[in-house]
Amino acid sequence: MSSNQSGEGEIRKIDQAAGKITIAHGEIKSIDMPPMTMVFTVKDPALLEAAKPGDKVRFAVAREDGKFVVTAIEAAP
């Protein structure tokens, strides 16, 4: 996972049907995003299959069509 566009946080909510995930995350310096809780769209809904609220995760985010999209997600060490 590229560190220049990745963040760490805790999953708050998953909406499998809509392909969205809510993450309370720390600062993501590369995209000037302060710590916050935010709803992201996922690039691939399969990313949500193993995730559950309360999980601590590292995730990669990219800007696509003006929106931030989670492109990868993994359990935080």
N, C-alpha and C. Protein backbone atom coordinates (compact mmCIF):
# COMPACT_ATOMS: atom_id res chain seq x y z
N MET A 1 0.86 -1.18 0.00
CA MET A 1 0.00 0.00 0.00
C MET A 1 0.90 1.24 0.00
N SER A 2 0.64 2.15 -0.87
CA SER A 2 1.45 3.37 -0.98
C SER A 2 1.23 4.25 0.23
N SER A 3 2.34 4.61 0.90
CA SER A 3 2.20 5.40 2.12
C SER A 3 1.80 6.85 1.84
N ASN A 4 2.02 7.33 0.61
CA ASN A 4 1.72 8.74 0.34
C ASN A 4 0.24 9.01 0.19
N GLN A 5 -0.57 8.01 0.11
CA GLN A 5 -2.01 8.24 0.01
C GLN A 5 -2.78 7.28 0.91
N SER A 6 -2.13 6.82 1.96
CA SER A 6 -2.81 5.89 2.84
C SER A 6 -3.10 6.53 4.19
N GLY A 7 -4.06 5.95 4.86
CA GLY A 7 -4.44 6.42 6.17
C GLY A 7 -4.70 5.24 7.08
N GLU A 8 -4.84 5.56 8.35
CA GLU A 8 -5.20 4.54 9.33
C GLU A 8 -6.42 5.01 10.09
N GLY A 9 -7.25 4.06 10.47
CA GLY A 9 -8.45 4.44 11.20
C GLY A 9 -9.22 3.24 11.70
N GLU A 10 -10.45 3.52 12.10
CA GLU A 10 -11.34 2.47 12.61
C GLU A 10 -12.63 2.52 11.82
N ILE A 11 -13.07 1.34 11.38
CA ILE A 11 -14.32 1.25 10.64
C ILE A 11 -15.48 1.54 11.60
N ARG A 12 -16.36 2.44 11.21
CA ARG A 12 -17.54 2.76 12.01
C ARG A 12 -18.80 2.10 11.45
N LYS A 13 -18.90 2.02 10.11
CA LYS A 13 -20.12 1.50 9.49
C LYS A 13 -19.78 0.98 8.10
N ILE A 14 -20.49 -0.05 7.68
CA ILE A 14 -20.33 -0.59 6.33
C ILE A 14 -21.70 -0.68 5.69
N ASP A 15 -21.81 -0.19 4.46
CA ASP A 15 -23.04 -0.30 3.68
C ASP A 15 -22.68 -1.12 2.44
N GLN A 16 -22.76 -2.43 2.58
CA GLN A 16 -22.36 -3.35 1.51
C GLN A 16 -23.16 -3.08 0.23
N ALA A 17 -24.46 -2.86 0.36
CA ALA A 17 -25.31 -2.67 -0.82
C ALA A 17 -24.91 -1.43 -1.63
N ALA A 18 -24.51 -0.37 -0.92
CA ALA A 18 -24.15 0.87 -1.60
C ALA A 18 -22.66 0.95 -1.92
N GLY A 19 -21.87 -0.01 -1.41
CA GLY A 19 -20.43 0.01 -1.65
C GLY A 19 -19.75 1.16 -0.92
N LYS A 20 -20.20 1.42 0.32
CA LYS A 20 -19.65 2.54 1.09
C LYS A 20 -19.16 2.05 2.45
N ILE A 21 -18.15 2.76 2.96
CA ILE A 21 -17.59 2.45 4.26
C ILE A 21 -17.34 3.77 5.01
N THR A 22 -17.69 3.78 6.30
CA THR A 22 -17.43 4.94 7.14
C THR A 22 -16.22 4.63 8.00
N ILE A 23 -15.20 5.50 7.91
CA ILE A 23 -13.96 5.30 8.65
C ILE A 23 -13.65 6.55 9.47
N ALA A 24 -13.38 6.37 10.76
CA ALA A 24 -12.85 7.44 11.61
C ALA A 24 -11.34 7.34 11.45
N HIS A 25 -10.73 8.33 10.81
CA HIS A 25 -9.31 8.21 10.46
C HIS A 25 -8.49 9.38 10.97
N GLY A 26 -7.19 9.17 11.02
CA GLY A 26 -6.25 10.21 11.37
C GLY A 26 -5.97 11.07 10.15
N GLU A 27 -5.04 11.99 10.31
CA GLU A 27 -4.67 12.89 9.23
C GLU A 27 -4.08 12.10 8.05
N ILE A 28 -4.45 12.53 6.84
CA ILE A 28 -3.86 11.98 5.62
C ILE A 28 -3.17 13.16 4.95
N LYS A 29 -1.88 13.32 5.27
CA LYS A 29 -1.14 14.53 4.86
C LYS A 29 -1.08 14.71 3.35
N SER A 30 -0.93 13.62 2.60
CA SER A 30 -0.72 13.75 1.16
C SER A 30 -1.90 14.39 0.43
N ILE A 31 -3.09 14.31 1.03
CA ILE A 31 -4.26 14.92 0.39
C ILE A 31 -4.85 16.03 1.25
N ASP A 32 -4.05 16.52 2.22
CA ASP A 32 -4.48 17.61 3.10
C ASP A 32 -5.81 17.34 3.78
N MET A 33 -5.99 16.12 4.28
CA MET A 33 -7.24 15.77 4.95
C MET A 33 -6.98 15.66 6.45
N PRO A 34 -7.64 16.49 7.26
CA PRO A 34 -7.46 16.40 8.71
C PRO A 34 -8.15 15.16 9.26
N PRO A 35 -7.87 14.81 10.51
CA PRO A 35 -8.58 13.68 11.13
C PRO A 35 -10.09 13.95 11.13
N MET A 36 -10.85 12.93 10.78
CA MET A 36 -12.31 13.05 10.76
C MET A 36 -12.94 11.68 10.59
N THR A 37 -14.25 11.65 10.68
CA THR A 37 -15.01 10.45 10.33
C THR A 37 -15.68 10.75 9.00
N MET A 38 -15.45 9.87 8.02
CA MET A 38 -15.90 10.16 6.66
C MET A 38 -16.44 8.91 6.00
N VAL A 39 -17.44 9.10 5.15
CA VAL A 39 -17.98 8.02 4.34
C VAL A 39 -17.23 8.01 3.02
N PHE A 40 -16.66 6.86 2.68
CA PHE A 40 -15.96 6.69 1.42
C PHE A 40 -16.69 5.67 0.56
N THR A 41 -16.62 5.84 -0.75
CA THR A 41 -17.03 4.80 -1.69
C THR A 41 -15.83 3.88 -1.84
N VAL A 42 -16.08 2.59 -2.04
CA VAL A 42 -14.98 1.66 -2.29
C VAL A 42 -14.89 1.37 -3.78
N LYS A 43 -13.66 1.23 -4.27
CA LYS A 43 -13.42 0.94 -5.68
C LYS A 43 -14.02 -0.41 -6.05
N ASP A 44 -13.87 -1.39 -5.15
CA ASP A 44 -14.35 -2.75 -5.39
C ASP A 44 -15.14 -3.20 -4.16
N PRO A 45 -16.44 -3.45 -4.29
CA PRO A 45 -17.25 -3.86 -3.13
C PRO A 45 -16.71 -5.10 -2.42
N ALA A 46 -15.89 -5.90 -3.10
CA ALA A 46 -15.30 -7.08 -2.45
C ALA A 46 -14.39 -6.67 -1.29
N LEU A 47 -13.90 -5.43 -1.29
CA LEU A 47 -13.06 -4.95 -0.19
C LEU A 47 -13.81 -4.97 1.14
N LEU A 48 -15.13 -4.91 1.08
CA LEU A 48 -15.93 -4.84 2.30
C LEU A 48 -16.26 -6.20 2.89
N GLU A 49 -16.01 -7.27 2.15
CA GLU A 49 -16.46 -8.59 2.58
C GLU A 49 -15.87 -9.04 3.91
N ALA A 50 -14.60 -8.77 4.15
CA ALA A 50 -13.96 -9.22 5.38
C ALA A 50 -13.93 -8.15 6.47
N ALA A 51 -14.42 -6.96 6.15
CA ALA A 51 -14.36 -5.84 7.09
C ALA A 51 -15.61 -5.81 7.97
N LYS A 52 -15.42 -5.27 9.20
CA LYS A 52 -16.58 -5.11 10.08
C LYS A 52 -16.36 -3.90 10.98
N PRO A 53 -17.45 -3.28 11.43
CA PRO A 53 -17.32 -2.12 12.33
C PRO A 53 -16.47 -2.47 13.55
N GLY A 54 -15.60 -1.53 13.92
CA GLY A 54 -14.71 -1.73 15.05
C GLY A 54 -13.32 -2.17 14.64
N ASP A 55 -13.18 -2.67 13.41
CA ASP A 55 -11.86 -3.09 12.92
C ASP A 55 -10.93 -1.89 12.78
N LYS A 56 -9.69 -2.05 13.20
CA LYS A 56 -8.65 -1.04 12.97
C LYS A 56 -8.02 -1.39 11.62
N VAL A 57 -7.93 -0.41 10.74
CA VAL A 57 -7.47 -0.67 9.37
C VAL A 57 -6.49 0.36 8.87
N ARG A 58 -5.74 -0.04 7.85
CA ARG A 58 -4.96 0.88 7.01
C ARG A 58 -5.65 0.84 5.65
N PHE A 59 -5.74 1.98 5.01
CA PHE A 59 -6.44 2.02 3.72
C PHE A 59 -5.76 2.99 2.78
N ALA A 60 -5.92 2.71 1.49
CA ALA A 60 -5.41 3.61 0.46
C ALA A 60 -6.59 4.34 -0.14
N VAL A 61 -6.39 5.61 -0.44
CA VAL A 61 -7.47 6.43 -0.98
C VAL A 61 -6.96 7.19 -2.20
N ALA A 62 -7.83 7.32 -3.19
CA ALA A 62 -7.51 8.07 -4.41
C ALA A 62 -8.67 8.99 -4.71
N ARG A 63 -8.38 10.08 -5.42
CA ARG A 63 -9.45 10.99 -5.84
C ARG A 63 -9.87 10.60 -7.25
N GLU A 64 -11.15 10.27 -7.41
CA GLU A 64 -11.70 9.89 -8.71
C GLU A 64 -12.99 10.68 -8.93
N ASP A 65 -13.04 11.39 -10.01
CA ASP A 65 -14.22 12.21 -10.35
C ASP A 65 -14.61 13.13 -9.20
N GLY A 66 -13.61 13.69 -8.52
CA GLY A 66 -13.86 14.64 -7.45
C GLY A 66 -14.23 14.03 -6.11
N LYS A 67 -14.26 12.69 -6.03
CA LYS A 67 -14.61 12.02 -4.78
C LYS A 67 -13.42 11.19 -4.32
N PHE A 68 -13.32 10.99 -3.01
CA PHE A 68 -12.29 10.12 -2.47
C PHE A 68 -12.81 8.69 -2.44
N VAL A 69 -12.03 7.78 -3.02
CA VAL A 69 -12.42 6.38 -3.16
C VAL A 69 -11.37 5.51 -2.48
N VAL A 70 -11.82 4.56 -1.65
CA VAL A 70 -10.91 3.61 -1.03
C VAL A 70 -10.57 2.55 -2.08
N THR A 71 -9.26 2.41 -2.34
CA THR A 71 -8.81 1.47 -3.36
C THR A 71 -8.20 0.21 -2.76
N ALA A 72 -7.86 0.23 -1.47
CA ALA A 72 -7.33 -0.94 -0.78
C ALA A 72 -7.59 -0.77 0.71
N ILE A 73 -7.74 -1.90 1.39
CA ILE A 73 -7.97 -1.86 2.83
C ILE A 73 -7.38 -3.13 3.42
N GLU A 74 -6.75 -2.98 4.59
CA GLU A 74 -6.16 -4.14 5.27
C GLU A 74 -6.20 -3.91 6.77
N ALA A 75 -6.12 -4.99 7.51
CA ALA A 75 -6.10 -4.87 8.97
C ALA A 75 -4.84 -4.12 9.39
N ALA A 76 -4.96 -3.23 10.34
CA ALA A 76 -3.81 -2.50 10.86
C ALA A 76 -3.03 -3.42 11.80
N PRO A 77 -1.71 -3.31 11.77
CA PRO A 77 -0.90 -4.18 12.65
C PRO A 77 -1.09 -3.83 14.12
